[in-house]
Amino acid sequence: MNQTKHCWQNYVDYYKCTTAKGEDFRPCKQFYHSFRSLCPKAWTDRWDGQREAGNFPVHLDK
């Protein structure tokens, strides 16, 4: 089964959660563990770079 959508959604949900609640907010960790197990590292590395450069395609503060 293709897990691309689940990978993407968990990545976005993790960063939305930590932006809203902080990195120590325990429920955010579930999103983290999910995207780490579903997503290829090359994808998350690229998305991390986009977030840091300010050109990630999703507003994580909304």
PDB file of N, CA and C in Angstrom:
ATOM      1  N   MET A   1       0.839  -1.185   0.000  1.00  0.00           N
ATOM      2  CA  MET A   1       0.000   0.000   0.000  1.00  0.00           C
ATOM      3  C   MET A   1       0.885   1.251   0.000  1.00  0.00           C
ATOM      4  N   ASN A   2       0.516   2.221  -0.784  1.00  0.00           N
ATOM      5  CA  ASN A   2       1.284   3.457  -0.884  1.00  0.00           C
ATOM      6  C   ASN A   2       1.067   4.312   0.366  1.00  0.00           C
ATOM      7  N   GLN A   3       2.141   4.614   1.055  1.00  0.00           N
ATOM      8  CA  GLN A   3       2.058   5.368   2.306  1.00  0.00           C
ATOM      9  C   GLN A   3       2.485   6.825   2.147  1.00  0.00           C
ATOM     10  N   THR A   4       2.616   7.288   0.911  1.00  0.00           N
ATOM     11  CA  THR A   4       3.098   8.648   0.669  1.00  0.00           C
ATOM     12  C   THR A   4       2.238   9.689   1.368  1.00  0.00           C
ATOM     13  N   LYS A   5       0.924   9.594   1.230  1.00  0.00           N
ATOM     14  CA  LYS A   5       0.029  10.580   1.852  1.00  0.00           C
ATOM     15  C   LYS A   5       0.161  10.550   3.371  1.00  0.00           C
ATOM     16  N   HIS A   6       0.240   9.350   3.939  1.00  0.00           N
ATOM     17  CA  HIS A   6       0.374   9.235   5.393  1.00  0.00           C
ATOM     18  C   HIS A   6       1.709   9.812   5.863  1.00  0.00           C
ATOM     19  N   CYS A   7       2.745   9.566   5.106  1.00  0.00           N
ATOM     20  CA  CYS A   7       4.063  10.132   5.402  1.00  0.00           C
ATOM     21  C   CYS A   7       3.958  11.655   5.460  1.00  0.00           C
ATOM     22  N   TRP A   8       3.473  12.239   4.379  1.00  0.00           N
ATOM     23  CA  TRP A   8       3.348  13.696   4.265  1.00  0.00           C
ATOM     24  C   TRP A   8       2.481  14.265   5.384  1.00  0.00           C
ATOM     25  N   GLN A   9       1.313  13.666   5.619  1.00  0.00           N
ATOM     26  CA  GLN A   9       0.382  14.202   6.607  1.00  0.00           C
ATOM     27  C   GLN A   9       0.968  14.147   8.010  1.00  0.00           C
ATOM     28  N   ASN A  10       1.652  13.071   8.356  1.00  0.00           N
ATOM     29  CA  ASN A  10       2.262  12.977   9.682  1.00  0.00           C
ATOM     30  C   ASN A  10       3.400  13.974   9.842  1.00  0.00           C
ATOM     31  N   TYR A  11       4.162  14.205   8.784  1.00  0.00           N
ATOM     32  CA  TYR A  11       5.233  15.209   8.835  1.00  0.00           C
ATOM     33  C   TYR A  11       4.636  16.592   9.092  1.00  0.00           C
ATOM     34  N   VAL A  12       3.634  16.954   8.311  1.00  0.00           N
ATOM     35  CA  VAL A  12       2.985  18.262   8.462  1.00  0.00           C
ATOM     36  C   VAL A  12       2.333  18.372   9.842  1.00  0.00           C
ATOM     37  N   ASP A  13       1.620  17.338  10.271  1.00  0.00           N
ATOM     38  CA  ASP A  13       0.942  17.377  11.571  1.00  0.00           C
ATOM     39  C   ASP A  13       1.937  17.512  12.713  1.00  0.00           C
ATOM     40  N   TYR A  14       3.082  16.853  12.608  1.00  0.00           N
ATOM     41  CA  TYR A  14       4.095  16.980  13.658  1.00  0.00           C
ATOM     42  C   TYR A  14       4.561  18.428  13.793  1.00  0.00           C
ATOM     43  N   TYR A  15       4.898  19.063  12.684  1.00  0.00           N
ATOM     44  CA  TYR A  15       5.412  20.426  12.773  1.00  0.00           C
ATOM     45  C   TYR A  15       4.324  21.436  13.110  1.00  0.00           C
ATOM     46  N   LYS A  16       3.094  21.188  12.712  1.00  0.00           N
ATOM     47  CA  LYS A  16       1.989  22.046  13.147  1.00  0.00           C
ATOM     48  C   LYS A  16       1.791  21.903  14.655  1.00  0.00           C
ATOM     49  N   CYS A  17       1.852  20.675  15.140  1.00  0.00           N
ATOM     50  CA  CYS A  17       1.670  20.400  16.565  1.00  0.00           C
ATOM     51  C   CYS A  17       2.769  21.059  17.397  1.00  0.00           C
ATOM     52  N   THR A  18       4.024  20.881  16.991  1.00  0.00           N
ATOM     53  CA  THR A  18       5.116  21.463  17.779  1.00  0.00           C
ATOM     54  C   THR A  18       5.145  22.983  17.674  1.00  0.00           C
ATOM     55  N   THR A  19       4.697  23.534  16.553  1.00  0.00           N
ATOM     56  CA  THR A  19       4.617  24.988  16.429  1.00  0.00           C
ATOM     57  C   THR A  19       3.569  25.531  17.386  1.00  0.00           C
ATOM     58  N   ALA A  20       2.445  24.842  17.498  1.00  0.00           N
ATOM     59  CA  ALA A  20       1.349  25.297  18.353  1.00  0.00           C
ATOM     60  C   ALA A  20       1.584  24.989  19.828  1.00  0.00           C
ATOM     61  N   LYS A  21       2.148  23.823  20.126  1.00  0.00           N
ATOM     62  CA  LYS A  21       2.213  23.344  21.514  1.00  0.00           C
ATOM     63  C   LYS A  21       3.620  23.229  22.083  1.00  0.00           C
ATOM     64  N   GLY A  22       4.634  23.287  21.238  1.00  0.00           N
ATOM     65  CA  GLY A  22       6.006  23.139  21.701  1.00  0.00           C
ATOM     66  C   GLY A  22       6.509  21.718  21.508  1.00  0.00           C
ATOM     67  N   GLU A  23       7.815  21.592  21.374  1.00  0.00           N
ATOM     68  CA  GLU A  23       8.417  20.284  21.092  1.00  0.00           C
ATOM     69  C   GLU A  23       8.254  19.288  22.228  1.00  0.00           C
ATOM     70  N   ASP A  24       8.023  19.766  23.440  1.00  0.00           N
ATOM     71  CA  ASP A  24       7.890  18.857  24.576  1.00  0.00           C
ATOM     72  C   ASP A  24       6.466  18.354  24.776  1.00  0.00           C
ATOM     73  N   PHE A  25       5.525  18.817  23.967  1.00  0.00           N
ATOM     74  CA  PHE A  25       4.134  18.370  24.082  1.00  0.00           C
ATOM     75  C   PHE A  25       4.060  16.922  23.612  1.00  0.00           C
ATOM     76  N   ARG A  26       3.815  16.031  24.549  1.00  0.00           N
ATOM     77  CA  ARG A  26       3.930  14.597  24.311  1.00  0.00           C
ATOM     78  C   ARG A  26       3.085  14.066  23.145  1.00  0.00           C
ATOM     79  N   PRO A  27       1.836  14.488  22.973  1.00  0.00           N
ATOM     80  CA  PRO A  27       1.047  13.955  21.845  1.00  0.00           C
ATOM     81  C   PRO A  27       1.665  14.211  20.464  1.00  0.00           C
ATOM     82  N   CYS A  28       2.502  15.229  20.331  1.00  0.00           N
ATOM     83  CA  CYS A  28       3.160  15.491  19.042  1.00  0.00           C
ATOM     84  C   CYS A  28       4.098  14.354  18.657  1.00  0.00           C
ATOM     85  N   LYS A  29       4.614  13.660  19.648  1.00  0.00           N
ATOM     86  CA  LYS A  29       5.602  12.604  19.396  1.00  0.00           C
ATOM     87  C   LYS A  29       5.039  11.481  18.518  1.00  0.00           C
ATOM     88  N   GLN A  30       3.725  11.227  18.608  1.00  0.00           N
ATOM     89  CA  GLN A  30       3.135  10.169  17.781  1.00  0.00           C
ATOM     90  C   GLN A  30       3.291  10.497  16.299  1.00  0.00           C
ATOM     91  N   PHE A  31       3.064  11.762  15.931  1.00  0.00           N
ATOM     92  CA  PHE A  31       3.255  12.175  14.542  1.00  0.00           C
ATOM     93  C   PHE A  31       4.715  11.983  14.126  1.00  0.00           C
ATOM     94  N   TYR A  32       5.627  12.342  15.046  1.00  0.00           N
ATOM     95  CA  TYR A  32       7.057  12.209  14.763  1.00  0.00           C
ATOM     96  C   TYR A  32       7.423  10.753  14.466  1.00  0.00           C
ATOM     97  N   HIS A  33       7.015   9.870  15.356  1.00  0.00           N
ATOM     98  CA  HIS A  33       7.355   8.455  15.171  1.00  0.00           C
ATOM     99  C   HIS A  33       6.727   7.896  13.894  1.00  0.00           C
ATOM    100  N   SER A  34       5.531   8.358  13.574  1.00  0.00           N
ATOM    101  CA  SER A  34       4.865   7.886  12.355  1.00  0.00           C
ATOM    102  C   SER A  34       5.615   8.332  11.111  1.00  0.00           C
ATOM    103  N   PHE A  35       5.932   9.631  11.025  1.00  0.00           N
ATOM    104  CA  PHE A  35       6.608  10.064   9.792  1.00  0.00           C
ATOM    105  C   PHE A  35       8.014   9.493   9.694  1.00  0.00           C
ATOM    106  N   ARG A  36       8.678   9.296  10.831  1.00  0.00           N
ATOM    107  CA  ARG A  36      10.024   8.707  10.788  1.00  0.00           C
ATOM    108  C   ARG A  36       9.989   7.266  10.279  1.00  0.00           C
ATOM    109  N   SER A  37       8.914   6.558  10.551  1.00  0.00           N
ATOM    110  CA  SER A  37       8.840   5.170  10.081  1.00  0.00           C
ATOM    111  C   SER A  37       8.296   5.072   8.655  1.00  0.00           C
ATOM    112  N   LEU A  38       7.519   6.060   8.211  1.00  0.00           N
ATOM    113  CA  LEU A  38       6.883   5.997   6.891  1.00  0.00           C
ATOM    114  C   LEU A  38       7.675   6.688   5.787  1.00  0.00           C
ATOM    115  N   CYS A  39       8.404   7.740   6.127  1.00  0.00           N
ATOM    116  CA  CYS A  39       9.014   8.603   5.106  1.00  0.00           C
ATOM    117  C   CYS A  39      10.477   8.242   4.836  1.00  0.00           C
ATOM    118  N   PRO A  40      10.873   8.224   3.576  1.00  0.00           N
ATOM    119  CA  PRO A  40      12.302   8.110   3.270  1.00  0.00           C
ATOM    120  C   PRO A  40      13.053   9.335   3.816  1.00  0.00           C
ATOM    121  N   LYS A  41      14.220   9.108   4.363  1.00  0.00           N
ATOM    122  CA  LYS A  41      14.997  10.201   4.957  1.00  0.00           C
ATOM    123  C   LYS A  41      15.290  11.304   3.945  1.00  0.00           C
ATOM    124  N   ALA A  42      15.501  10.955   2.704  1.00  0.00           N
ATOM    125  CA  ALA A  42      15.768  11.971   1.676  1.00  0.00           C
ATOM    126  C   ALA A  42      14.604  12.952   1.559  1.00  0.00           C
ATOM    127  N   TRP A  43      13.384  12.460   1.713  1.00  0.00           N
ATOM    128  CA  TRP A  43      12.216  13.349   1.640  1.00  0.00           C
ATOM    129  C   TRP A  43      12.192  14.303   2.823  1.00  0.00           C
ATOM    130  N   THR A  44      12.366  13.753   4.039  1.00  0.00           N
ATOM    131  CA  THR A  44      12.285  14.623   5.218  1.00  0.00           C
ATOM    132  C   THR A  44      13.458  15.595   5.249  1.00  0.00           C
ATOM    133  N   ASP A  45      14.616  15.177   4.760  1.00  0.00           N
ATOM    134  CA  ASP A  45      15.749  16.108   4.665  1.00  0.00           C
ATOM    135  C   ASP A  45      15.404  17.272   3.735  1.00  0.00           C
ATOM    136  N   ARG A  46      14.781  16.966   2.608  1.00  0.00           N
ATOM    137  CA  ARG A  46      14.399  18.018   1.660  1.00  0.00           C
ATOM    138  C   ARG A  46      13.350  18.944   2.281  1.00  0.00           C
ATOM    139  N   TRP A  47      12.353  18.368   2.942  1.00  0.00           N
ATOM    140  CA  TRP A  47      11.311  19.187   3.568  1.00  0.00           C
ATOM    141  C   TRP A  47      11.886  20.032   4.700  1.00  0.00           C
ATOM    142  N   ASP A  48      12.824  19.469   5.471  1.00  0.00           N
ATOM    143  CA  ASP A  48      13.484  20.248   6.527  1.00  0.00           C
ATOM    144  C   ASP A  48      14.192  21.455   5.916  1.00  0.00           C
ATOM    145  N   GLY A  49      14.879  21.235   4.812  1.00  0.00           N
ATOM    146  CA  GLY A  49      15.558  22.336   4.122  1.00  0.00           C
ATOM    147  C   GLY A  49      14.582  23.388   3.638  1.00  0.00           C
ATOM    148  N   GLN A  50      13.452  22.956   3.120  1.00  0.00           N
ATOM    149  CA  GLN A  50      12.429  23.903   2.668  1.00  0.00           C
ATOM    150  C   GLN A  50      11.873  24.707   3.843  1.00  0.00           C
ATOM    151  N   ARG A  51      11.620  24.039   4.965  1.00  0.00           N
ATOM    152  CA  ARG A  51      11.122  24.752   6.154  1.00  0.00           C
ATOM    153  C   ARG A  51      12.137  25.796   6.601  1.00  0.00           C
ATOM    154  N   GLU A  52      13.404  25.399   6.669  1.00  0.00           N
ATOM    155  CA  GLU A  52      14.457  26.313   7.113  1.00  0.00           C
ATOM    156  C   GLU A  52      14.633  27.484   6.158  1.00  0.00           C
ATOM    157  N   ALA A  53      14.422  27.253   4.869  1.00  0.00           N
ATOM    158  CA  ALA A  53      14.565  28.314   3.866  1.00  0.00           C
ATOM    159  C   ALA A  53      13.311  29.181   3.753  1.00  0.00           C
ATOM    160  N   GLY A  54      12.243  28.758   4.425  1.00  0.00           N
ATOM    161  CA  GLY A  54      11.005  29.530   4.384  1.00  0.00           C
ATOM    162  C   GLY A  54      10.169  29.298   3.142  1.00  0.00           C
ATOM    163  N   ASN A  55      10.427  28.214   2.415  1.00  0.00           N
ATOM    164  CA  ASN A  55       9.636  27.962   1.213  1.00  0.00           C
ATOM    165  C   ASN A  55       8.931  26.603   1.237  1.00  0.00           C
ATOM    166  N   PHE A  56       8.607  26.133   2.442  1.00  0.00           N
ATOM    167  CA  PHE A  56       7.826  24.907   2.578  1.00  0.00           C
ATOM    168  C   PHE A  56       6.403  25.203   2.110  1.00  0.00           C
ATOM    169  N   PRO A  57       5.773  24.292   1.347  1.00  0.00           N
ATOM    170  CA  PRO A  57       4.487  24.612   0.721  1.00  0.00           C
ATOM    171  C   PRO A  57       3.268  24.641   1.644  1.00  0.00           C
ATOM    172  N   VAL A  58       3.459  24.460   2.945  1.00  0.00           N
ATOM    173  CA  VAL A  58       2.344  24.476   3.896  1.00  0.00           C
ATOM    174  C   VAL A  58       2.672  25.472   5.000  1.00  0.00           C
ATOM    175  N   HIS A  59       1.670  26.241   5.432  1.00  0.00           N
ATOM    176  CA  HIS A  59       1.844  27.140   6.576  1.00  0.00           C
ATOM    177  C   HIS A  59       1.681  26.309   7.846  1.00  0.00           C
ATOM    178  N   LEU A  60       2.754  26.120   8.572  1.00  0.00           N
ATOM    179  CA  LEU A  60       2.737  25.256   9.745  1.00  0.00           C
ATOM    180  C   LEU A  60       2.232  25.962  10.993  1.00  0.00           C
ATOM    181  N   ASP A  61       1.968  27.248  10.897  1.00  0.00           N
ATOM    182  CA  ASP A  61       1.482  27.995  12.054  1.00  0.00           C
ATOM    183  C   ASP A  61      -0.030  28.192  12.010  1.00  0.00           C
ATOM    184  N   LYS A  62      -0.699  27.462  11.130  1.00  0.00           N
ATOM    185  CA  LYS A  62      -2.162  27.599  11.027  1.00  0.00           C
ATOM    186  C   LYS A  62      -2.841  26.284  11.269  1.00  0.00           C
TER     187      LYS A  62
END
